[in-house]
């Protein structure tokens, strides 16, 4: 009897471990939290950016979060999809605008997307956003 309990327990542990390899169906290169490191406009790093913006990707949802003074935060949620090295965003909540002055529906070009770095462009002339996996 003990042998069967041990075999069943090991089988359940194995199934649990192999089932935890997916990220809810999201784009694996984006999944997780990214910190915006710097913003470059017209070839010059924006000195007004203080380093407090995070983007979190899971499944088809993005959370944009800004750390404000006095430990307050501003969060907004939207939908995203990645196709042909373009990120498409849609922020349907009328009360919570996206960060960085982005419109509610927009597209950003993906210049680089690796396990630890993401570089996005927006607009013309392009504003370049440098992210680090956090």
N, C-alpha and C. Protein backbone atom coordinates (compact mmCIF):
# COMPACT_ATOMS: atom_id res chain seq x y z
N UNK A 1 0.82 -1.20 0.00
CA UNK A 1 0.00 0.00 0.00
C UNK A 1 0.87 1.26 0.00
N UNK A 2 1.91 1.29 0.82
CA UNK A 2 2.80 2.45 0.91
C UNK A 2 3.49 2.70 -0.42
N UNK A 3 3.83 1.63 -1.13
CA UNK A 3 4.48 1.75 -2.43
C UNK A 3 3.57 2.47 -3.43
N UNK A 4 2.28 2.15 -3.42
CA UNK A 4 1.34 2.78 -4.33
C UNK A 4 1.13 4.26 -4.00
N UNK A 5 1.08 4.59 -2.73
CA UNK A 5 0.94 5.99 -2.31
C UNK A 5 2.16 6.78 -2.75
N UNK A 6 3.34 6.20 -2.61
CA UNK A 6 4.57 6.87 -3.04
C UNK A 6 4.57 7.09 -4.55
N UNK A 7 4.17 6.10 -5.33
CA UNK A 7 4.14 6.23 -6.79
C UNK A 7 3.13 7.29 -7.21
N UNK A 8 1.95 7.28 -6.61
CA UNK A 8 0.93 8.27 -6.94
C UNK A 8 1.40 9.67 -6.54
N UNK A 9 2.02 9.82 -5.38
CA UNK A 9 2.52 11.12 -4.93
C UNK A 9 3.58 11.65 -5.88
N UNK A 10 4.53 10.81 -6.28
CA UNK A 10 5.57 11.23 -7.22
C UNK A 10 4.97 11.62 -8.56
N UNK A 11 3.97 10.87 -9.01
CA UNK A 11 3.29 11.20 -10.26
C UNK A 11 2.61 12.55 -10.21
N UNK A 12 1.94 12.84 -9.10
CA UNK A 12 1.27 14.15 -8.94
C UNK A 12 2.28 15.28 -8.86
N UNK A 13 3.38 15.07 -8.18
CA UNK A 13 4.44 16.10 -8.12
C UNK A 13 4.98 16.36 -9.52
N UNK A 14 5.24 15.31 -10.27
CA UNK A 14 5.73 15.45 -11.63
C UNK A 14 4.76 16.24 -12.50
N UNK A 15 3.49 15.91 -12.43
CA UNK A 15 2.47 16.62 -13.22
C UNK A 15 2.38 18.09 -12.83
N UNK A 16 2.50 18.37 -11.55
CA UNK A 16 2.47 19.76 -11.08
C UNK A 16 3.65 20.55 -11.63
N UNK A 17 4.84 19.95 -11.61
CA UNK A 17 6.02 20.64 -12.11
C UNK A 17 5.96 20.91 -13.60
N UNK A 18 5.50 19.97 -14.39
CA UNK A 18 5.47 20.20 -15.84
C UNK A 18 4.33 21.10 -16.26
N UNK A 19 3.32 21.27 -15.42
CA UNK A 19 2.20 22.13 -15.79
C UNK A 19 2.48 23.60 -15.51
N UNK A 20 3.55 23.92 -14.84
CA UNK A 20 3.86 25.30 -14.47
C UNK A 20 4.83 25.97 -15.43
N UNK A 21 4.87 25.53 -16.66
CA UNK A 21 5.83 26.10 -17.61
C UNK A 21 5.22 27.15 -18.53
N UNK A 22 3.94 27.40 -18.43
CA UNK A 22 3.28 28.35 -19.32
C UNK A 22 2.97 29.65 -18.58
N UNK A 23 2.87 30.73 -19.33
CA UNK A 23 2.61 32.04 -18.75
C UNK A 23 1.21 32.54 -19.10
N UNK A 24 0.25 31.70 -18.99
CA UNK A 24 -1.14 32.04 -19.29
C UNK A 24 -1.36 32.37 -20.76
N UNK A 25 -0.53 31.83 -21.63
CA UNK A 25 -0.74 31.99 -23.06
C UNK A 25 -0.20 33.27 -23.64
N UNK A 26 0.48 34.09 -22.85
CA UNK A 26 1.00 35.34 -23.37
C UNK A 26 2.27 35.15 -24.18
N UNK A 27 2.70 36.21 -24.82
CA UNK A 27 3.94 36.22 -25.59
C UNK A 27 5.10 36.01 -24.62
N UNK A 28 5.85 34.91 -24.74
CA UNK A 28 6.89 34.59 -23.75
C UNK A 28 8.00 35.62 -23.66
N UNK A 29 8.30 36.31 -24.75
CA UNK A 29 9.37 37.32 -24.69
C UNK A 29 8.96 38.55 -23.88
N UNK A 30 7.66 38.81 -23.79
CA UNK A 30 7.17 39.99 -23.07
C UNK A 30 6.81 39.70 -21.62
N UNK A 31 6.43 38.48 -21.33
CA UNK A 31 5.88 38.11 -20.04
C UNK A 31 6.73 38.61 -18.87
N UNK A 32 6.09 39.23 -17.88
CA UNK A 32 6.78 39.69 -16.68
C UNK A 32 6.76 41.20 -16.54
N UNK A 33 7.64 41.68 -15.69
CA UNK A 33 7.71 43.11 -15.36
C UNK A 33 8.93 43.75 -16.00
N UNK A 34 8.72 44.92 -16.59
CA UNK A 34 9.78 45.68 -17.24
C UNK A 34 9.85 47.07 -16.62
N UNK A 35 11.06 47.56 -16.39
CA UNK A 35 11.23 48.92 -15.87
C UNK A 35 11.74 49.81 -17.00
N UNK A 36 11.07 50.94 -17.18
CA UNK A 36 11.51 51.91 -18.18
C UNK A 36 12.77 52.59 -17.65
N UNK A 37 13.88 52.40 -18.33
CA UNK A 37 15.17 52.94 -17.90
C UNK A 37 15.38 54.38 -18.35
N UNK A 38 15.06 54.63 -19.62
CA UNK A 38 15.26 55.99 -20.14
C UNK A 38 14.42 56.20 -21.38
N UNK A 39 14.21 57.48 -21.69
CA UNK A 39 13.44 57.91 -22.85
C UNK A 39 14.34 58.82 -23.67
N UNK A 40 14.42 58.58 -24.97
CA UNK A 40 15.26 59.39 -25.85
C UNK A 40 14.37 60.05 -26.89
N UNK A 41 14.46 61.40 -26.95
CA UNK A 41 13.73 62.19 -27.94
C UNK A 41 14.73 63.02 -28.73
N UNK A 42 14.64 62.96 -30.04
CA UNK A 42 15.56 63.71 -30.91
C UNK A 42 17.01 63.44 -30.56
N UNK A 43 17.33 62.19 -30.21
CA UNK A 43 18.71 61.82 -29.90
C UNK A 43 19.20 62.23 -28.53
N UNK A 44 18.32 62.81 -27.71
CA UNK A 44 18.72 63.30 -26.39
C UNK A 44 17.89 62.58 -25.32
N UNK A 45 18.56 62.10 -24.27
CA UNK A 45 17.87 61.46 -23.16
C UNK A 45 17.02 62.49 -22.44
N UNK A 46 15.77 62.16 -22.19
CA UNK A 46 14.83 63.06 -21.52
C UNK A 46 15.23 63.19 -20.04
N UNK A 47 15.68 64.38 -19.62
CA UNK A 47 16.11 64.56 -18.23
C UNK A 47 14.96 64.59 -17.23
N UNK A 48 13.73 64.77 -17.71
CA UNK A 48 12.59 64.86 -16.79
C UNK A 48 12.10 63.49 -16.32
N UNK A 49 12.52 62.42 -16.99
CA UNK A 49 12.08 61.09 -16.57
C UNK A 49 12.88 60.65 -15.36
N UNK A 50 12.16 60.29 -14.28
CA UNK A 50 12.83 59.97 -13.01
C UNK A 50 12.98 58.47 -12.73
N UNK A 51 12.59 57.60 -13.66
CA UNK A 51 12.82 56.17 -13.50
C UNK A 51 11.75 55.41 -12.76
N UNK A 52 10.55 55.92 -12.64
CA UNK A 52 9.53 55.27 -11.83
C UNK A 52 8.40 54.61 -12.58
N UNK A 53 8.62 54.19 -13.84
CA UNK A 53 7.55 53.58 -14.62
C UNK A 53 7.86 52.11 -14.89
N UNK A 54 6.84 51.27 -14.66
CA UNK A 54 6.95 49.83 -14.88
C UNK A 54 5.81 49.38 -15.78
N UNK A 55 6.11 48.46 -16.67
CA UNK A 55 5.09 47.80 -17.49
C UNK A 55 5.10 46.33 -17.14
N UNK A 56 3.90 45.76 -16.98
CA UNK A 56 3.78 44.34 -16.62
C UNK A 56 2.90 43.66 -17.66
N UNK A 57 3.44 42.63 -18.29
CA UNK A 57 2.73 41.90 -19.34
C UNK A 57 2.33 40.51 -18.83
N UNK A 58 1.10 40.14 -19.08
CA UNK A 58 0.64 38.79 -18.81
C UNK A 58 -0.52 38.49 -19.73
N UNK A 59 -0.47 37.30 -20.34
CA UNK A 59 -1.49 36.87 -21.27
C UNK A 59 -1.66 37.95 -22.35
N UNK A 60 -2.78 38.65 -22.39
CA UNK A 60 -3.00 39.72 -23.37
C UNK A 60 -3.22 41.06 -22.67
N UNK A 61 -2.84 41.13 -21.40
CA UNK A 61 -3.07 42.32 -20.59
C UNK A 61 -1.76 43.01 -20.25
N UNK A 62 -1.78 44.34 -20.27
CA UNK A 62 -0.64 45.12 -19.81
C UNK A 62 -1.11 46.01 -18.66
N UNK A 63 -0.27 46.09 -17.65
CA UNK A 63 -0.47 47.05 -16.56
C UNK A 63 0.67 48.05 -16.65
N UNK A 64 0.32 49.33 -16.72
CA UNK A 64 1.32 50.39 -16.66
C UNK A 64 1.23 50.97 -15.26
N UNK A 65 2.38 51.10 -14.61
CA UNK A 65 2.39 51.60 -13.24
C UNK A 65 3.46 52.67 -13.11
N UNK A 66 3.09 53.77 -12.47
CA UNK A 66 4.05 54.85 -12.19
C UNK A 66 4.14 55.05 -10.70
N UNK A 67 5.36 55.03 -10.19
CA UNK A 67 5.59 55.29 -8.77
C UNK A 67 5.63 56.81 -8.59
N UNK A 68 4.73 57.32 -7.74
CA UNK A 68 4.60 58.74 -7.49
C UNK A 68 5.23 59.09 -6.13
N UNK A 69 5.40 60.38 -5.85
CA UNK A 69 5.92 60.76 -4.53
C UNK A 69 5.02 60.24 -3.41
N UNK A 70 5.59 60.13 -2.23
CA UNK A 70 4.87 59.67 -1.03
C UNK A 70 4.36 58.25 -1.17
N UNK A 71 5.08 57.41 -1.92
CA UNK A 71 4.75 55.99 -2.08
C UNK A 71 3.38 55.75 -2.70
N UNK A 72 2.87 56.69 -3.45
CA UNK A 72 1.62 56.51 -4.17
C UNK A 72 1.93 55.93 -5.55
N UNK A 73 0.94 55.29 -6.15
CA UNK A 73 1.11 54.75 -7.49
C UNK A 73 -0.09 55.10 -8.36
N UNK A 74 0.17 55.20 -9.63
CA UNK A 74 -0.89 55.34 -10.63
C UNK A 74 -0.81 54.10 -11.51
N UNK A 75 -1.92 53.40 -11.67
CA UNK A 75 -1.95 52.20 -12.50
C UNK A 75 -3.05 52.31 -13.55
N UNK A 76 -2.77 51.78 -14.70
CA UNK A 76 -3.76 51.68 -15.75
C UNK A 76 -3.58 50.34 -16.44
N UNK A 77 -4.68 49.79 -16.94
CA UNK A 77 -4.65 48.48 -17.56
C UNK A 77 -5.16 48.56 -18.99
N UNK A 78 -4.59 47.76 -19.84
CA UNK A 78 -5.02 47.71 -21.23
C UNK A 78 -4.79 46.34 -21.82
N UNK A 79 -5.03 46.25 -23.10
CA UNK A 79 -4.83 45.02 -23.85
C UNK A 79 -3.68 45.25 -24.82
N UNK A 80 -2.97 44.18 -25.13
CA UNK A 80 -1.89 44.29 -26.10
C UNK A 80 -1.84 43.04 -26.95
N UNK A 81 -1.18 43.20 -28.10
CA UNK A 81 -0.82 42.05 -28.92
C UNK A 81 0.45 42.41 -29.67
N UNK A 82 1.24 41.41 -29.93
CA UNK A 82 2.49 41.57 -30.67
C UNK A 82 2.35 40.87 -32.01
N UNK A 83 2.57 41.61 -33.09
CA UNK A 83 2.51 41.04 -34.43
C UNK A 83 3.53 41.74 -35.31
N UNK A 84 4.35 40.97 -35.99
CA UNK A 84 5.34 41.52 -36.93
C UNK A 84 6.19 42.61 -36.30
N UNK A 85 6.68 42.34 -35.09
CA UNK A 85 7.55 43.28 -34.35
C UNK A 85 6.89 44.65 -34.14
N UNK A 86 5.57 44.63 -33.99
CA UNK A 86 4.81 45.82 -33.61
C UNK A 86 3.94 45.46 -32.42
N UNK A 87 3.96 46.30 -31.40
CA UNK A 87 3.08 46.13 -30.24
C UNK A 87 1.86 47.01 -30.45
N UNK A 88 0.69 46.40 -30.38
CA UNK A 88 -0.58 47.12 -30.52
C UNK A 88 -1.21 47.22 -29.13
N UNK A 89 -1.60 48.43 -28.73
CA UNK A 89 -2.19 48.67 -27.42
C UNK A 89 -3.60 49.22 -27.54
N UNK A 90 -4.42 48.86 -26.56
CA UNK A 90 -5.78 49.39 -26.45
C UNK A 90 -6.08 49.55 -24.96
N UNK A 91 -6.38 50.77 -24.53
CA UNK A 91 -6.70 51.07 -23.13
C UNK A 91 -8.15 51.54 -23.06
N UNK A 92 -9.09 50.63 -22.77
CA UNK A 92 -10.52 50.95 -22.85
C UNK A 92 -11.07 51.77 -21.69
N UNK A 93 -10.40 51.81 -20.54
CA UNK A 93 -10.93 52.51 -19.37
C UNK A 93 -10.80 54.02 -19.56
N UNK A 94 -11.94 54.70 -19.70
CA UNK A 94 -11.95 56.15 -19.94
C UNK A 94 -11.40 56.94 -18.76
N UNK A 95 -11.43 56.36 -17.56
CA UNK A 95 -10.98 57.07 -16.36
C UNK A 95 -9.49 56.92 -16.10
N UNK A 96 -8.80 56.03 -16.79
CA UNK A 96 -7.39 55.76 -16.54
C UNK A 96 -6.62 55.81 -17.86
N UNK A 97 -6.01 56.95 -18.14
CA UNK A 97 -5.25 57.12 -19.37
C UNK A 97 -3.93 56.35 -19.31
N UNK A 98 -3.42 55.90 -20.46
CA UNK A 98 -2.12 55.25 -20.47
C UNK A 98 -1.02 56.24 -20.11
N UNK A 99 0.11 55.73 -19.68
CA UNK A 99 1.24 56.58 -19.29
C UNK A 99 2.01 57.08 -20.51
N UNK A 100 2.91 58.01 -20.27
CA UNK A 100 3.83 58.55 -21.25
C UNK A 100 3.15 59.34 -22.36
N UNK A 101 1.92 59.76 -22.12
CA UNK A 101 1.21 60.54 -23.12
C UNK A 101 0.75 59.72 -24.32
N UNK A 102 0.76 58.41 -24.18
CA UNK A 102 0.31 57.56 -25.29
C UNK A 102 -1.20 57.67 -25.44
N UNK A 103 -1.70 57.59 -26.68
CA UNK A 103 -3.15 57.58 -26.86
C UNK A 103 -3.73 56.23 -26.43
N UNK A 104 -5.04 56.18 -26.27
CA UNK A 104 -5.70 54.95 -25.81
C UNK A 104 -5.51 53.77 -26.76
N UNK A 105 -5.39 54.06 -28.02
CA UNK A 105 -5.10 53.03 -29.02
C UNK A 105 -3.86 53.47 -29.78
N UNK A 106 -2.83 52.63 -29.76
CA UNK A 106 -1.60 53.02 -30.44
C UNK A 106 -0.78 51.80 -30.82
N UNK A 107 0.25 52.07 -31.62
CA UNK A 107 1.19 51.05 -32.06
C UNK A 107 2.60 51.52 -31.73
N UNK A 108 3.44 50.58 -31.27
CA UNK A 108 4.84 50.89 -31.00
C UNK A 108 5.70 49.87 -31.74
N UNK A 109 6.76 50.36 -32.37
CA UNK A 109 7.69 49.46 -33.05
C UNK A 109 8.62 48.80 -32.06
N UNK A 110 8.91 47.53 -32.29
CA UNK A 110 9.84 46.80 -31.44
C UNK A 110 11.20 46.78 -32.13
N UNK A 111 12.16 47.50 -31.55
CA UNK A 111 13.52 47.54 -32.08
C UNK A 111 14.32 46.36 -31.55
N UNK A 112 14.14 46.08 -30.25
CA UNK A 112 14.85 44.97 -29.61
C UNK A 112 13.95 44.36 -28.55
N UNK A 113 13.94 43.04 -28.50
CA UNK A 113 13.18 42.33 -27.47
C UNK A 113 13.92 41.04 -27.16
N UNK A 114 14.65 41.06 -26.05
CA UNK A 114 15.39 39.88 -25.62
C UNK A 114 14.92 39.50 -24.23
N UNK A 115 15.57 38.55 -23.62
CA UNK A 115 15.18 38.12 -22.28
C UNK A 115 15.35 39.18 -21.22
N UNK A 116 16.20 40.18 -21.48
CA UNK A 116 16.46 41.19 -20.46
C UNK A 116 16.31 42.63 -20.92
N UNK A 117 16.17 42.85 -22.22
CA UNK A 117 16.06 44.21 -22.73
C UNK A 117 14.93 44.32 -23.75
N UNK A 118 14.31 45.51 -23.74
CA UNK A 118 13.26 45.81 -24.71
C UNK A 118 13.44 47.27 -25.12
N UNK A 119 13.44 47.52 -26.42
CA UNK A 119 13.55 48.87 -26.95
C UNK A 119 12.36 49.07 -27.88
N UNK A 120 11.56 50.11 -27.59
CA UNK A 120 10.36 50.40 -28.37
C UNK A 120 10.45 51.81 -28.94
N UNK A 121 9.81 52.02 -30.09
CA UNK A 121 9.74 53.36 -30.68
C UNK A 121 8.28 53.75 -30.87
N UNK A 122 8.06 55.07 -30.80
CA UNK A 122 6.71 55.58 -31.02
C UNK A 122 6.81 56.94 -31.69
N UNK A 123 5.95 57.15 -32.67
CA UNK A 123 5.81 58.47 -33.31
C UNK A 123 6.83 58.73 -34.39
N UNK A 124 6.69 59.94 -34.98
CA UNK A 124 7.58 60.40 -36.02
C UNK A 124 7.80 61.89 -35.85
N UNK A 125 8.96 62.37 -35.46
CA UNK A 125 10.17 61.60 -35.24
C UNK A 125 10.01 60.68 -34.02
N UNK A 126 10.70 59.57 -34.06
CA UNK A 126 10.52 58.52 -33.06
C UNK A 126 11.04 58.92 -31.69
N UNK A 127 10.23 58.61 -30.69
CA UNK A 127 10.67 58.63 -29.30
C UNK A 127 11.05 57.18 -28.98
N UNK A 128 12.20 56.98 -28.36
CA UNK A 128 12.70 55.64 -28.09
C UNK A 128 12.63 55.37 -26.60
N UNK A 129 12.06 54.22 -26.25
CA UNK A 129 11.88 53.82 -24.86
C UNK A 129 12.75 52.60 -24.59
N UNK A 130 13.62 52.68 -23.59
CA UNK A 130 14.53 51.61 -23.22
C UNK A 130 14.05 50.97 -21.92
N UNK A 131 13.77 49.67 -21.97
CA UNK A 131 13.29 48.92 -20.81
C UNK A 131 14.29 47.85 -20.41
N UNK A 132 14.28 47.50 -19.13
CA UNK A 132 15.07 46.40 -18.59
C UNK A 132 14.13 45.47 -17.87
N UNK A 133 14.31 44.15 -18.04
CA UNK A 133 13.49 43.17 -17.33
C UNK A 133 13.76 43.34 -15.83
N UNK A 134 12.72 43.42 -15.05
CA UNK A 134 12.87 43.72 -13.63
C UNK A 134 12.59 42.54 -12.81
